[in-house]
Amino acid sequence: MIFPWGIALFTVIVVYFLDRWENRYIKSLFDWVPAILLAYIIPAIISQLAKVDYSQAPIHDFSREYFIPLAIVAVMSSLSLGQLRSIGWKPILLFVSGSVFIAIFPFFLAMTFLETEFISGTLISEGYWKGIPPIVGSWIGGSTSQLVLKELVNCPEDIFLSVLVMDNILVNIWTILMFQSIKGSNTLNKIFQITDLGIPESLRFSHTKSLSPWLVILVLIASVLLMNEVLESFIAKVIILSFIGLAISNLWPQWNFTFALKFGAVLILIVMAVLGLKLQFATLGFNTSFLLFLVVWLVGHFVFMTIIAKVLNINMAWVPIASMANVGGIATAPAVTAAYEKKWMPHAVVLAILSMATGTFWGMLTIFLLEHFLLV
């Protein structure tokens, strides 16, 4: 069946080039409708207009076997552990505390209010709990983790699209709020009597000539093919390929970090375009109580990190930076950082890449907690 492949290819090409088009109207569109969401919706629209159901097409199995694992190893191979040392332990610990809160808050909320209609009805009976791990993946790890966790928890397409839409709305609003928050960091430092306001060590970048993009692609594809030969479990592939990506990037001095990250971004668009072929708009719903839950979750994440920052006696500017590295990602984290201190922008990028590398594992923890304690 060639047509599904044609739709996916058309979608990726259109979204890729639109995202890079220096037109202010197009840029405004992508400020509110990110490339990943557009890549998910376009195939669904085409399928709807053609009145054809591609939800069982072989392309989905191919994506799970090759595209998703390839995206994982590509993204993981973009993280340099050596650069983390230059940031300092306090910002990293603050960032990790934000990730911990995102991963475990749904579990503690569910256990505390187990008898409420939201927990027993919305989350359990209506199955919205399956939308929580993709949110964890999106907020900590970005699109790659979100897609992997969707597959691991088998999140229905209608709930997944609702989650995507709500996530997109909240992240856009959150980004605006973090821009405003970081501008008031000096005032908060005085209120909380923060004394450690030093600038972290400058990042050390290797000037060794990087591998050619074609060789990077060859290495990544070979890794996936090898894992498909020796492993059957999807979860096992995710874990092993994650460590392979880290090993490649940190043991191979000439590894091309920049291209690996760009290649991973394109693969994410491909995976989303394939997933969009499963979407049926008739099943789409919007749950107000779930949206309110997401708001409480996000605000709690910020409040918790503010408390940790006070305990660590660290510049309050790191709270919105760490939050955006978790929730916003590699594009918005340095942008928010620049509103306070441009010298910290590379550190924000590294934290965002660390977020991309760890999101899947935090999501796995969330799935474990929900499946073993909420659904028993």
Protein backbone atom coordinates (compact mmCIF):
# COMPACT_ATOMS: atom_id res chain seq x y z
CA MET A 1 0.00 0.00 0.00
CA ILE A 2 1.98 3.00 -1.32
CA PHE A 3 -0.54 5.74 -0.56
CA PRO A 4 0.08 5.91 3.25
CA TRP A 5 3.80 6.27 2.57
CA GLY A 6 3.07 9.04 0.11
CA ILE A 7 0.91 10.92 2.64
CA ALA A 8 3.59 10.60 5.33
CA LEU A 9 6.36 11.75 2.97
CA PHE A 10 4.28 14.67 1.71
CA THR A 11 3.51 15.73 5.28
CA VAL A 12 7.12 15.62 6.44
CA ILE A 13 8.37 17.62 3.44
CA VAL A 14 5.66 20.27 3.80
CA VAL A 15 6.06 20.68 7.58
CA TYR A 16 9.87 20.63 7.41
CA PHE A 17 10.10 23.43 4.86
CA LEU A 18 7.25 25.49 6.31
CA ASP A 19 9.00 25.38 9.68
CA ARG A 20 12.10 26.88 8.07
CA TRP A 21 10.32 29.45 5.91
CA GLU A 22 11.30 32.96 6.99
CA ASN A 23 7.80 34.36 6.63
CA ARG A 24 6.36 36.19 9.62
CA TYR A 25 2.87 34.76 9.11
CA ILE A 26 4.20 31.21 8.89
CA LYS A 27 6.43 31.85 11.91
CA SER A 28 3.38 33.08 13.84
CA LEU A 29 1.54 29.88 12.90
CA PHE A 30 4.35 27.71 14.25
CA ASP A 31 4.47 29.75 17.46
CA TRP A 32 1.03 28.34 18.29
CA VAL A 33 0.84 25.15 16.24
CA PRO A 34 4.23 23.41 16.51
CA ALA A 35 5.61 21.28 13.71
CA ILE A 36 4.98 18.04 15.60
CA LEU A 37 1.26 18.78 15.99
CA LEU A 38 0.90 19.86 12.35
CA ALA A 39 2.68 16.68 11.23
CA TYR A 40 0.13 14.69 13.23
CA ILE A 41 -2.96 16.50 11.94
CA ILE A 42 -2.22 16.78 8.19
CA PRO A 43 -2.28 12.99 7.49
CA ALA A 44 -5.53 12.74 9.46
CA ILE A 45 -7.10 15.50 7.35
CA ILE A 46 -5.99 13.84 4.10
CA SER A 47 -7.31 10.46 5.27
CA GLN A 48 -10.59 12.07 6.31
CA LEU A 49 -11.02 13.80 2.93
CA ALA A 50 -10.15 10.59 1.07
CA LYS A 51 -12.54 8.64 3.36
CA VAL A 52 -9.94 5.93 3.86
CA ASP A 53 -8.89 4.27 7.14
CA TYR A 54 -5.13 3.71 7.33
CA SER A 55 -5.06 2.74 11.00
CA GLN A 56 -4.10 -0.87 10.17
CA ALA A 57 -1.64 -0.09 7.36
CA PRO A 58 1.75 -1.90 7.50
CA ILE A 59 3.54 1.46 7.77
CA HIS A 60 2.68 1.55 11.49
CA ASP A 61 4.56 -1.67 12.19
CA PHE A 62 7.51 -0.37 10.16
CA SER A 63 7.54 2.86 12.17
CA ARG A 64 7.56 0.99 15.47
CA GLU A 65 10.35 -1.31 14.29
CA TYR A 66 12.61 1.28 12.64
CA PHE A 67 11.61 4.96 12.80
CA ILE A 68 10.96 5.20 16.57
CA PRO A 69 14.13 3.27 17.61
CA LEU A 70 16.16 5.33 15.14
CA ALA A 71 14.80 8.57 16.62
CA ILE A 72 15.72 7.36 20.12
CA VAL A 73 19.33 6.49 19.36
CA ALA A 74 19.77 9.72 17.34
CA VAL A 75 18.52 11.97 20.14
CA MET A 76 20.46 10.12 22.84
CA SER A 77 23.67 10.40 20.82
CA SER A 78 23.37 14.21 20.88
CA LEU A 79 24.14 14.42 24.64
CA SER A 80 27.69 15.08 25.83
CA LEU A 81 28.15 14.15 29.49
CA GLY A 82 31.33 16.22 29.61
CA GLN A 83 29.38 19.43 29.09
CA LEU A 84 27.18 18.68 32.12
CA ARG A 85 30.16 19.11 34.47
CA SER A 86 30.57 22.72 33.39
CA ILE A 87 27.04 23.64 34.47
CA GLY A 88 27.56 22.80 38.13
CA TRP A 89 25.69 20.43 40.42
CA LYS A 90 23.14 22.90 41.78
CA PRO A 91 21.43 23.77 38.45
CA ILE A 92 21.45 20.09 37.49
CA LEU A 93 19.95 19.06 40.84
CA LEU A 94 17.29 21.75 40.49
CA PHE A 95 16.51 20.52 36.97
CA VAL A 96 16.28 16.90 38.16
CA SER A 97 13.94 17.93 40.99
CA GLY A 98 11.60 19.40 38.39
CA SER A 99 11.71 16.13 36.44
CA VAL A 100 11.02 14.10 39.58
CA PHE A 101 7.95 16.20 40.38
CA ILE A 102 6.59 15.83 36.84
CA ALA A 103 7.09 12.05 36.91
CA ILE A 104 5.56 11.25 40.32
CA PHE A 105 2.96 13.99 40.93
CA PRO A 106 0.12 12.17 39.06
CA PHE A 107 0.68 9.09 41.23
CA PHE A 108 0.59 11.00 44.53
CA LEU A 109 -2.44 13.01 43.43
CA ALA A 110 -4.26 9.85 42.41
CA MET A 111 -3.44 8.11 45.68
CA THR A 112 -4.53 11.14 47.72
CA PHE A 113 -7.85 11.65 45.91
CA LEU A 114 -8.51 8.05 44.87
CA GLU A 115 -12.24 8.16 45.65
CA THR A 116 -12.98 11.32 43.65
CA GLU A 117 -14.89 11.30 40.36
CA PHE A 118 -11.84 12.64 38.50
CA ILE A 119 -9.62 9.72 39.53
CA SER A 120 -12.16 6.89 39.44
CA GLY A 121 -14.12 8.29 36.50
CA THR A 122 -11.95 10.40 34.18
CA LEU A 123 -8.58 8.76 34.74
CA ILE A 124 -9.57 5.12 35.29
CA SER A 125 -13.00 4.52 33.70
CA GLU A 126 -12.51 6.85 30.71
CA GLY A 127 -8.88 5.78 30.32
CA TYR A 128 -7.35 9.25 30.54
CA TRP A 129 -4.56 7.87 32.74
CA LYS A 130 -3.02 6.62 29.48
CA GLY A 131 -2.62 10.26 28.45
CA ILE A 132 -0.43 10.98 31.49
CA PRO A 133 2.77 9.13 30.41
CA PRO A 134 2.88 10.92 27.00
CA ILE A 135 2.54 14.22 28.90
CA VAL A 136 5.45 13.22 31.15
CA GLY A 137 7.43 12.32 28.04
CA SER A 138 6.55 15.61 26.36
CA TRP A 139 7.37 17.78 29.38
CA ILE A 140 10.65 16.06 30.27
CA GLY A 141 11.87 14.41 27.10
CA GLY A 142 10.08 16.16 24.25
CA SER A 143 8.50 14.60 21.21
CA THR A 144 10.67 11.47 21.05
CA SER A 145 9.83 10.41 24.62
CA GLN A 146 6.19 11.35 24.10
CA LEU A 147 5.91 9.01 21.12
CA VAL A 148 7.76 6.15 22.80
CA LEU A 149 5.59 6.38 25.92
CA LYS A 150 2.42 6.57 23.82
CA GLU A 151 3.42 3.23 22.34
CA LEU A 152 4.43 1.72 25.69
CA VAL A 153 1.14 2.61 27.37
CA ASN A 154 -0.94 2.03 24.21
CA CYS A 155 -2.65 5.42 24.48
CA PRO A 156 -5.80 5.63 22.27
CA GLU A 157 -5.58 8.07 19.36
CA ASP A 158 -8.50 10.24 20.51
CA ILE A 159 -7.01 10.72 23.98
CA PHE A 160 -3.56 11.27 22.49
CA LEU A 161 -4.78 14.07 20.21
CA SER A 162 -6.63 15.70 23.12
CA VAL A 163 -3.43 15.51 25.14
CA LEU A 164 -1.43 16.99 22.26
CA VAL A 165 -3.81 19.94 21.92
CA MET A 166 -3.97 20.65 25.67
CA ASP A 167 -0.22 20.23 25.99
CA ASN A 168 0.37 22.68 23.14
CA ILE A 169 -1.94 25.30 24.67
CA LEU A 170 -0.34 25.02 28.12
CA VAL A 171 3.26 25.03 26.89
CA ASN A 172 2.67 28.19 24.86
CA ILE A 173 1.12 29.95 27.87
CA TRP A 174 3.83 28.57 30.15
CA THR A 175 6.59 29.91 27.89
CA ILE A 176 5.11 33.42 28.11
CA LEU A 177 4.87 33.11 31.90
CA MET A 178 8.49 31.94 32.18
CA PHE A 179 9.67 34.92 30.12
CA GLN A 180 7.98 37.16 32.67
CA SER A 181 9.13 35.10 35.64
CA ILE A 182 12.82 35.18 34.76
CA LYS A 183 12.74 38.97 34.47
CA GLY A 184 11.75 39.13 38.14
CA SER A 185 14.52 36.78 39.30
CA ASN A 186 16.58 39.50 41.02
CA THR A 187 13.55 40.56 43.04
CA LEU A 188 12.92 36.95 44.06
CA ASN A 189 16.59 36.57 45.01
CA LYS A 190 16.17 39.43 47.47
CA ILE A 191 12.89 38.09 48.84
CA PHE A 192 14.32 34.61 49.38
CA GLN A 193 17.73 36.00 50.48
CA ILE A 194 19.67 34.08 47.84
CA THR A 195 23.42 34.73 48.05
CA ASP A 196 24.87 32.31 45.48
CA LEU A 197 24.43 34.31 42.26
CA GLY A 198 27.59 33.28 40.43
CA ILE A 199 27.81 32.58 36.70
CA PRO A 200 28.64 28.91 35.96
CA GLU A 201 31.80 27.82 34.20
CA SER A 202 31.90 28.38 30.44
CA LEU A 203 31.16 25.28 28.40
CA ARG A 204 34.11 23.62 26.71
CA PHE A 205 33.37 22.60 23.14
CA SER A 206 35.53 20.21 21.18
CA HIS A 207 37.13 21.62 18.05
CA THR A 208 37.85 18.18 16.58
CA LYS A 209 36.53 17.71 13.05
CA SER A 210 33.14 15.97 13.21
CA LEU A 211 32.06 12.89 11.30
CA SER A 212 30.19 13.35 8.04
CA PRO A 213 26.38 13.25 8.27
CA TRP A 214 26.23 10.17 6.06
CA LEU A 215 28.52 8.23 8.38
CA VAL A 216 26.41 9.31 11.38
CA ILE A 217 23.27 8.02 9.66
CA LEU A 218 25.00 4.75 8.77
CA VAL A 219 26.11 4.16 12.37
CA LEU A 220 22.65 4.93 13.76
CA ILE A 221 20.86 2.68 11.25
CA ALA A 222 23.33 -0.13 11.92
CA SER A 223 22.61 0.15 15.66
CA VAL A 224 18.86 -0.18 15.08
CA LEU A 225 19.22 -3.11 12.67
CA LEU A 226 21.45 -4.92 15.15
CA MET A 227 18.97 -4.43 18.02
CA ASN A 228 16.08 -5.63 15.86
CA GLU A 229 18.03 -8.80 15.17
CA VAL A 230 18.86 -9.62 18.79
CA LEU A 231 15.84 -8.20 20.68
CA GLU A 232 12.07 -8.61 20.33
CA SER A 233 10.83 -6.50 23.25
CA PHE A 234 10.11 -2.88 22.33
CA ILE A 235 10.94 -1.70 25.86
CA ALA A 236 14.27 -3.56 25.78
CA LYS A 237 15.14 -1.91 22.47
CA VAL A 238 14.33 1.53 23.89
CA ILE A 239 16.59 1.00 26.90
CA ILE A 240 19.53 -0.59 25.06
CA LEU A 241 19.45 1.93 22.20
CA SER A 242 19.39 4.78 24.72
CA PHE A 243 22.63 3.52 26.27
CA ILE A 244 24.14 2.85 22.84
CA GLY A 245 23.41 6.47 21.87
CA LEU A 246 25.06 7.77 25.05
CA ALA A 247 28.07 5.50 24.53
CA ILE A 248 28.53 6.63 20.93
CA SER A 249 28.37 10.32 21.75
CA ASN A 250 30.69 10.16 24.76
CA LEU A 251 33.25 7.60 23.59
CA TRP A 252 33.62 8.78 20.00
CA PRO A 253 35.41 12.17 20.01
CA GLN A 254 34.55 12.93 16.38
CA TRP A 255 30.83 12.25 16.80
CA ASN A 256 28.64 14.89 15.11
CA PHE A 257 26.33 15.97 17.99
CA THR A 258 24.65 18.75 16.03
CA PHE A 259 23.68 16.60 13.07
CA ALA A 260 22.50 13.74 15.30
CA LEU A 261 20.07 16.12 17.00
CA LYS A 262 18.80 17.52 13.67
CA PHE A 263 18.40 14.00 12.26
CA GLY A 264 16.42 13.02 15.35
CA ALA A 265 14.12 16.01 14.85
CA VAL A 266 13.32 14.93 11.29
CA LEU A 267 12.65 11.36 12.44
CA ILE A 268 10.20 12.68 15.02
CA LEU A 269 8.25 14.42 12.24
CA ILE A 270 8.18 11.14 10.29
CA VAL A 271 6.88 9.19 13.28
CA MET A 272 4.18 11.80 13.96
CA ALA A 273 3.09 11.78 10.32
CA VAL A 274 2.71 7.99 10.45
CA LEU A 275 0.75 8.18 13.71
CA GLY A 276 -1.54 10.78 12.14
CA LEU A 277 -2.74 8.12 9.71
CA LYS A 278 -4.45 6.40 12.67
CA LEU A 279 -6.33 9.48 13.83
CA GLN A 280 -10.11 9.69 13.42
CA PHE A 281 -11.48 13.17 14.14
CA ALA A 282 -14.90 11.77 14.98
CA THR A 283 -13.48 10.28 18.19
CA LEU A 284 -11.87 13.52 19.39
CA GLY A 285 -12.98 14.89 22.75
CA PHE A 286 -11.82 17.61 25.14
CA ASN A 287 -11.92 16.94 28.87
CA THR A 288 -12.04 20.12 31.00
CA SER A 289 -11.25 18.36 34.28
CA PHE A 290 -8.14 16.78 32.73
CA LEU A 291 -7.00 20.22 31.52
CA LEU A 292 -7.42 21.61 35.05
CA PHE A 293 -5.38 18.68 36.34
CA LEU A 294 -2.59 19.58 33.89
CA VAL A 295 -2.63 23.20 35.10
CA VAL A 296 -2.31 22.15 38.76
CA TRP A 297 0.45 19.71 37.80
CA LEU A 298 2.45 22.39 35.94
CA VAL A 299 2.06 25.08 38.60
CA GLY A 300 3.03 22.56 41.30
CA HIS A 301 6.17 21.74 39.33
CA PHE A 302 7.21 25.41 39.40
CA VAL A 303 6.39 25.90 43.10
CA PHE A 304 8.32 22.75 44.04
CA MET A 305 11.41 23.90 42.12
CA THR A 306 11.20 27.33 43.76
CA ILE A 307 11.35 25.65 47.17
CA ILE A 308 14.31 23.51 46.07
CA ALA A 309 16.10 26.61 44.73
CA LYS A 310 15.70 28.28 48.13
CA VAL A 311 17.07 25.19 49.89
CA LEU A 312 20.03 25.06 47.48
CA ASN A 313 20.57 28.85 47.75
CA ILE A 314 20.75 29.13 43.96
CA ASN A 315 19.82 32.05 41.71
CA MET A 316 16.05 32.03 41.18
CA ALA A 317 16.64 32.56 37.46
CA TRP A 318 17.49 28.86 37.27
CA VAL A 319 13.90 27.96 38.18
CA PRO A 320 12.33 29.19 34.89
CA ILE A 321 15.42 28.00 33.00
CA ALA A 322 15.15 24.48 34.44
CA SER A 323 11.38 24.51 33.96
CA MET A 324 11.73 25.43 30.28
CA ALA A 325 14.51 22.85 29.82
CA ASN A 326 11.97 20.31 31.12
CA VAL A 327 8.72 21.58 29.64
CA GLY A 328 9.75 23.78 26.73
CA GLY A 329 12.76 22.11 25.20
CA ILE A 330 15.83 22.99 23.23
CA ALA A 331 14.32 25.98 21.43
CA THR A 332 12.55 27.81 24.25
CA ALA A 333 14.98 27.12 27.12
CA PRO A 334 17.84 29.28 25.71
CA ALA A 335 15.34 31.91 24.53
CA VAL A 336 13.97 32.34 28.05
CA THR A 337 17.51 32.27 29.44
CA ALA A 338 18.58 35.11 27.14
CA ALA A 339 15.97 37.35 28.77
CA TYR A 340 18.10 37.19 31.94
CA GLU A 341 21.69 36.26 31.10
CA LYS A 342 22.89 35.49 27.56
CA LYS A 343 26.06 33.81 28.88
CA TRP A 344 23.89 31.04 30.33
CA MET A 345 22.25 30.13 27.01
CA PRO A 346 24.61 27.19 26.21
CA HIS A 347 23.92 25.76 29.67
CA ALA A 348 20.17 25.92 29.02
CA VAL A 349 20.71 24.02 25.74
CA VAL A 350 22.64 21.26 27.52
CA LEU A 351 19.93 20.95 30.19
CA ALA A 352 17.31 20.70 27.44
CA ILE A 353 19.30 17.93 25.74
CA LEU A 354 19.61 16.16 29.11
CA SER A 355 15.83 16.42 29.34
CA MET A 356 15.45 14.79 25.93
CA ALA A 357 17.77 11.99 26.99
CA THR A 358 15.99 11.14 30.25
CA GLY A 359 12.30 11.74 29.49
CA THR A 360 11.51 8.19 28.40
CA PHE A 361 12.87 6.72 31.65
CA TRP A 362 10.89 9.14 33.83
CA GLY A 363 7.79 8.21 31.83
CA MET A 364 8.47 4.53 32.43
CA LEU A 365 8.54 5.28 36.16
CA THR A 366 5.16 7.02 35.86
CA ILE A 367 3.69 4.04 33.99
CA PHE A 368 5.01 1.64 36.64
CA LEU A 369 3.51 3.66 39.51
CA LEU A 370 0.13 4.07 37.83
CA GLU A 371 -0.19 0.47 36.64
CA HIS A 372 0.96 -1.14 39.90
CA PHE A 373 -0.79 1.10 42.41
CA LEU A 374 -3.62 3.00 40.71
CA LEU A 375 -5.11 0.24 38.58
CA VAL A 376 -4.92 -2.65 41.04
